Protein backbone atom coordinates (compact mmCIF):
# COMPACT_ATOMS: atom_id res chain seq x y z
CA UNK A 1 37.19 -32.98 11.89
CA UNK A 2 37.19 -30.78 8.76
CA UNK A 3 36.07 -32.36 5.54
CA UNK A 4 37.66 -31.88 2.13
CA UNK A 5 34.67 -29.80 1.06
CA UNK A 6 35.14 -27.47 4.01
CA UNK A 7 38.84 -27.12 3.26
CA UNK A 8 38.10 -26.19 -0.36
CA UNK A 9 35.49 -23.70 0.72
CA UNK A 10 37.83 -21.69 2.95
CA UNK A 11 40.88 -21.94 0.69
CA UNK A 12 41.89 -18.56 -0.63
CA UNK A 13 42.11 -18.05 -4.41
CA UNK A 14 45.54 -18.46 -5.96
CA UNK A 15 45.67 -14.76 -6.93
CA UNK A 16 45.11 -13.74 -3.31
CA UNK A 17 47.81 -16.13 -2.11
CA UNK A 18 50.15 -14.76 -4.76
CA UNK A 19 49.40 -11.22 -3.56
CA UNK A 20 50.22 -12.01 0.08
CA UNK A 21 53.47 -13.68 -0.99
CA UNK A 22 54.34 -10.68 -3.15
CA UNK A 23 53.66 -8.31 -0.24
CA UNK A 24 55.96 -10.32 2.04
CA UNK A 25 58.71 -10.23 -0.59
CA UNK A 26 58.20 -6.47 -1.05
CA UNK A 27 58.48 -5.88 2.70
CA UNK A 28 61.74 -7.83 2.82
CA UNK A 29 63.05 -6.07 -0.28
CA UNK A 30 62.30 -2.67 1.28
CA UNK A 31 64.49 -3.47 4.27
CA UNK A 32 67.24 -4.96 2.07
CA UNK A 33 67.37 -1.97 -0.28
CA UNK A 34 67.47 0.50 2.60
CA UNK A 35 70.33 -1.35 4.30
CA UNK A 36 72.15 -1.53 0.97
CA UNK A 37 71.71 2.20 0.46
CA UNK A 38 72.95 2.90 3.99
CA UNK A 39 76.02 0.75 3.33
CA UNK A 40 76.94 2.59 0.12
CA UNK A 41 75.98 6.09 1.29
CA UNK A 42 78.99 8.44 1.23
CA UNK A 43 77.49 10.50 4.09
CA UNK A 44 75.68 8.88 7.01
CA UNK A 45 74.34 11.95 8.69
CA UNK A 46 71.39 12.53 10.98
CA UNK A 47 69.01 13.29 8.11
CA UNK A 48 69.84 10.08 6.25
CA UNK A 49 69.35 8.06 9.44
CA UNK A 50 65.89 9.57 9.98
CA UNK A 51 64.82 9.02 6.37
CA UNK A 52 66.19 5.47 6.34
CA UNK A 53 64.39 4.59 9.56
CA UNK A 54 61.11 5.97 8.24
CA UNK A 55 61.49 4.13 4.94
CA UNK A 56 62.18 0.85 6.76
CA UNK A 57 59.03 1.32 8.83
CA UNK A 58 57.10 0.92 5.58
CA UNK A 59 57.91 -2.77 5.74
CA UNK A 60 55.58 -2.91 8.74
CA UNK A 61 52.95 -1.23 6.56
CA UNK A 62 53.23 -4.07 4.07
CA UNK A 63 52.82 -6.60 6.88
CA UNK A 64 49.70 -4.74 8.02
CA UNK A 65 48.46 -4.83 4.43
CA UNK A 66 48.92 -8.61 4.37
CA UNK A 67 46.55 -8.83 7.34
CA UNK A 68 43.93 -6.75 5.54
CA UNK A 69 44.25 -8.91 2.41
CA UNK A 70 43.92 -12.11 4.44
CA UNK A 71 40.73 -10.77 6.01
CA UNK A 72 39.39 -9.54 2.66
CA UNK A 73 39.11 -5.93 3.80
CA UNK A 74 38.18 -3.35 1.14
CA UNK A 75 40.64 -0.84 2.62
CA UNK A 76 43.50 -3.01 1.34
CA UNK A 77 43.31 -1.47 -2.14
CA UNK A 78 43.88 2.20 -1.25
CA UNK A 79 46.35 1.26 1.48
CA UNK A 80 48.35 -0.81 -1.00
CA UNK A 81 48.35 1.99 -3.56
CA UNK A 82 49.59 4.58 -1.05
CA UNK A 83 52.26 2.24 0.32
CA UNK A 84 53.52 1.41 -3.17
CA UNK A 85 53.68 5.01 -4.38
CA UNK A 86 55.27 6.47 -1.24
CA UNK A 87 57.72 3.57 -0.95
CA UNK A 88 59.03 4.16 -4.46
CA UNK A 89 59.46 7.87 -3.69
CA UNK A 90 61.03 7.20 -0.28
CA UNK A 91 63.59 4.76 -1.67
CA UNK A 92 64.24 6.81 -4.79
CA UNK A 93 65.14 9.90 -2.78
CA UNK A 94 67.64 7.92 -0.69
CA UNK A 95 69.64 6.28 -3.46
CA UNK A 96 70.50 9.63 -5.06
CA UNK A 97 73.58 11.14 -3.37
CA UNK A 98 74.13 14.85 -2.96
CA UNK A 99 76.94 14.65 -5.50
CA UNK A 100 77.77 12.21 -8.26
CA UNK A 101 75.73 9.28 -9.52
CA UNK A 102 73.96 6.60 -7.47
CA UNK A 103 75.85 3.32 -6.92
CA UNK A 104 74.88 0.46 -9.22
CA UNK A 105 73.66 -1.87 -6.40
CA UNK A 106 71.35 0.88 -5.21
CA UNK A 107 69.94 1.43 -8.69
CA UNK A 108 69.35 -2.31 -9.16
CA UNK A 109 67.63 -2.54 -5.78
CA UNK A 110 65.45 0.47 -6.60
CA UNK A 111 64.48 -1.08 -9.95
CA UNK A 112 63.56 -4.35 -8.24
CA UNK A 113 61.50 -2.59 -5.56
CA UNK A 114 59.72 -0.48 -8.18
CA UNK A 115 58.80 -3.62 -10.12
CA UNK A 116 57.49 -5.29 -6.95
CA UNK A 117 55.38 -2.25 -6.02
CA UNK A 118 54.04 -2.07 -9.57
CA UNK A 119 53.05 -5.74 -9.40
CA UNK A 120 51.28 -5.15 -6.07
CA UNK A 121 49.23 -2.27 -7.51
CA UNK A 122 48.41 -4.29 -10.63
CA UNK A 123 47.08 -7.23 -8.61
CA UNK A 124 45.07 -4.96 -6.31
CA UNK A 125 43.39 -2.98 -9.09
CA UNK A 126 43.44 -5.25 -12.14
CA UNK A 127 42.77 -8.72 -10.79
CA UNK A 128 39.06 -9.56 -10.72
CA UNK A 129 39.70 -12.42 -8.29
CA UNK A 130 41.43 -10.11 -5.80
CA UNK A 131 38.71 -7.47 -6.23
CA UNK A 132 36.06 -10.09 -5.47
CA UNK A 133 37.95 -11.10 -2.34
CA UNK A 134 38.44 -7.58 -0.91
CA UNK A 135 34.78 -6.87 -0.09
CA UNK A 136 34.50 -7.51 3.63
CA UNK A 137 33.94 -5.05 6.44
CA UNK A 138 35.51 -4.94 9.87
CA UNK A 139 34.30 -7.25 12.62
CA UNK A 140 32.67 -6.11 15.84
CA UNK A 141 30.43 -7.13 18.71
CA UNK A 142 26.83 -7.68 17.61
CA UNK A 143 23.90 -8.19 19.99
CA UNK A 144 21.09 -10.16 18.39
CA UNK A 145 18.36 -12.25 19.99
CA UNK A 146 19.84 -11.82 23.45
CA UNK A 147 23.25 -13.19 22.39
CA UNK A 148 26.54 -11.41 21.79
CA UNK A 149 28.65 -12.48 18.83
CA UNK A 150 31.79 -11.29 17.07
CA UNK A 151 31.06 -10.97 13.37
CA UNK A 152 31.27 -8.72 10.36
CA UNK A 153 29.52 -5.39 10.83
CA UNK A 154 28.27 -3.41 7.84
CA UNK A 155 29.04 0.31 8.21
CA UNK A 156 26.09 2.55 9.05
CA UNK A 157 27.36 5.30 6.75
CA UNK A 158 26.24 5.39 3.11
CA UNK A 159 28.35 3.38 0.65
CA UNK A 160 31.40 5.26 -0.61
CA UNK A 161 33.52 4.76 -3.69
CA UNK A 162 36.95 3.23 -3.59
CA UNK A 163 38.42 6.57 -4.69
CA UNK A 164 37.12 8.26 -1.54
CA UNK A 165 38.87 5.59 0.50
CA UNK A 166 42.02 6.29 -1.50
CA UNK A 167 41.77 10.02 -0.71
CA UNK A 168 41.27 9.22 2.95
CA UNK A 169 44.30 6.95 3.19
CA UNK A 170 46.44 9.43 1.21
CA UNK A 171 45.45 12.24 3.57
CA UNK A 172 46.49 10.17 6.59
CA UNK A 173 50.06 10.19 5.25
CA UNK A 174 50.32 13.99 5.42
CA UNK A 175 51.31 14.11 9.07
CA UNK A 176 54.15 11.55 9.00
CA UNK A 177 55.44 12.98 5.70
CA UNK A 178 55.70 16.35 7.46
CA UNK A 179 57.14 15.08 10.74
CA UNK A 180 59.94 13.03 9.15
CA UNK A 181 61.62 16.00 7.38
CA UNK A 182 60.94 18.15 10.45
CA UNK A 183 62.90 15.64 12.51
CA UNK A 184 65.64 15.58 9.87
CA UNK A 185 65.74 19.40 9.99
CA UNK A 186 66.40 19.09 13.72
CA UNK A 187 69.90 18.15 12.69
CA UNK A 188 70.32 21.70 11.41
CA UNK A 189 69.90 22.91 14.97
CA UNK A 190 72.60 20.48 16.11
CA UNK A 191 74.89 21.78 13.35
CA UNK A 192 74.87 25.26 14.83
CA UNK A 193 71.86 26.94 13.26
CA UNK A 194 69.91 28.27 16.26
CA UNK A 195 67.87 30.49 13.94
CA UNK A 196 66.22 27.34 12.60
CA UNK A 197 64.67 26.43 15.97
CA UNK A 198 61.37 28.37 15.45
CA UNK A 199 60.93 26.87 11.99
CA UNK A 200 61.55 23.32 13.21
CA UNK A 201 59.15 23.74 16.14
CA UNK A 202 56.47 25.22 13.87
CA UNK A 203 56.97 22.29 11.49
CA UNK A 204 56.41 19.79 14.28
CA UNK A 205 53.30 21.57 15.57
CA UNK A 206 51.87 21.85 12.05
CA UNK A 207 52.48 18.15 11.40
CA UNK A 208 50.68 17.13 14.59
CA UNK A 209 47.81 19.57 13.96
CA UNK A 210 47.34 18.19 10.44
CA UNK A 211 46.82 14.68 11.83
CA UNK A 212 43.84 15.88 13.90
CA UNK A 213 42.42 17.96 11.07
CA UNK A 214 42.58 15.03 8.67
CA UNK A 215 41.00 12.72 11.24
CA UNK A 216 38.11 15.13 11.73
CA UNK A 217 37.68 15.84 8.01
CA UNK A 218 37.77 12.25 6.78
CA UNK A 219 35.24 11.14 9.38
CA UNK A 220 32.66 13.31 7.62
CA UNK A 221 34.15 12.59 4.20
CA UNK A 222 33.14 8.95 4.60
CA UNK A 223 29.59 10.10 5.40
CA UNK A 224 29.28 11.82 2.05
CA UNK A 225 29.44 15.42 3.29
CA UNK A 226 30.27 17.80 0.46
CA UNK A 227 31.84 20.37 2.78
CA UNK A 228 34.28 17.71 4.02
CA UNK A 229 35.62 17.30 0.47
CA UNK A 230 36.18 21.03 0.21
CA UNK A 231 37.85 21.04 3.61
CA UNK A 232 40.17 18.22 2.55
CA UNK A 233 41.16 20.20 -0.54
CA UNK A 234 41.91 23.21 1.68
CA UNK A 235 43.93 21.05 4.10
CA UNK A 236 45.89 19.56 1.21
CA UNK A 237 46.75 22.95 -0.25
CA UNK A 238 47.64 24.26 3.21
CA UNK A 239 49.94 21.31 3.87
CA UNK A 240 51.79 21.92 0.60
CA UNK A 241 52.01 25.67 1.33
CA UNK A 242 53.64 24.94 4.71
CA UNK A 243 55.77 21.89 4.01
CA UNK A 244 57.40 22.71 0.66
CA UNK A 245 58.80 26.14 1.68
CA UNK A 246 60.08 24.70 4.97
CA UNK A 247 61.76 21.85 3.09
CA UNK A 248 63.51 24.38 0.87
CA UNK A 249 64.48 26.71 3.73
CA UNK A 250 65.69 24.19 6.29
CA UNK A 251 66.85 21.31 4.07
CA UNK A 252 67.76 23.02 0.82
CA UNK A 253 66.92 21.96 -2.71
CA UNK A 254 68.05 18.42 -1.88
CA UNK A 255 65.51 18.24 0.95
CA UNK A 256 62.81 19.78 -1.22
CA UNK A 257 63.26 16.95 -3.71
CA UNK A 258 63.76 14.15 -1.18
CA UNK A 259 61.04 15.14 1.30
CA UNK A 260 58.71 17.39 -0.67
CA UNK A 261 58.19 15.00 -3.60
CA UNK A 262 56.58 12.16 -1.55
CA UNK A 263 54.18 14.60 0.10
CA UNK A 264 53.34 16.16 -3.25
CA UNK A 265 52.62 12.69 -4.66
CA UNK A 266 50.30 11.86 -1.74
CA UNK A 267 48.53 15.23 -2.11
CA UNK A 268 47.99 14.75 -5.84
CA UNK A 269 46.66 11.25 -5.22
CA UNK A 270 44.21 12.55 -2.60
CA UNK A 271 42.97 15.30 -4.93
CA UNK A 272 42.72 12.88 -7.84
CA UNK A 273 40.72 10.48 -5.67
CA UNK A 274 38.26 13.25 -4.80
CA UNK A 275 37.91 14.16 -8.48
CA UNK A 276 37.35 10.55 -9.53
CA UNK A 277 34.84 10.00 -6.74
CA UNK A 278 32.90 13.08 -7.85
CA UNK A 279 32.83 11.86 -11.44
CA UNK A 280 31.69 8.39 -10.40
CA UNK A 281 28.86 9.79 -8.29
CA UNK A 282 27.78 12.19 -11.05
CA UNK A 283 27.64 9.29 -13.51
CA UNK A 284 25.35 7.28 -11.24
CA UNK A 285 23.04 10.18 -10.31
CA UNK A 286 19.80 10.19 -12.32
CA UNK A 287 19.31 13.22 -14.51
């Protein structure tokens, strides 16, 4: 039987409980705003369906984030920042029609979702209670004294700054942010543009290749390798050099804004994280 003292000891702080509630509301609001935008959209083409489906999948990302917050995982902060930023961009690009002004319900929903995402980021990065809660590492099997137990395992790699984690999470979004517009561009092939087939196929291959490159690079990035930071910068610039021209060629200026802007935001966040991590390490290095 659990005592009152034990119950108090495991009870999460009110700020953490408020954050998990806010994340659940944000996930629900994401779905609601996307369905509202789909309802008011003047054109419900293949591209809009792909972008709407991808944006709605972000609600699952918020549910995953709730799990990390409940377990006190440090990765919750960069994951929450990336989800908030890319969600605002993903929803913002969908409420703007090709012609005319956005419908009022869509604008109100976008404003509400932006406020929710801003509140999530504020709690993650400005609340001392939340910061003190998000300090745990992943759990794993540990053999000690002839017994096997499932408990928290401290990483063997050297400690890294939160900004490096932010760069890592931002880089992991490169591949899906390339594959989604590539899939939307597949509609151009269906609309009678056979000349777009090589570009669409190249886009898909590049998006898949980037996922493996980022996985390889960030594995060494977390181990403090300087060359991995330079490689991530090169990957980021290469991704922008491939994705933005393809967005403009296959999807037009509208696609460049709708699909290129979220990737550009993730790339800038990754580069900013590397810069901040370098400054933090230089400030703590003697001499």
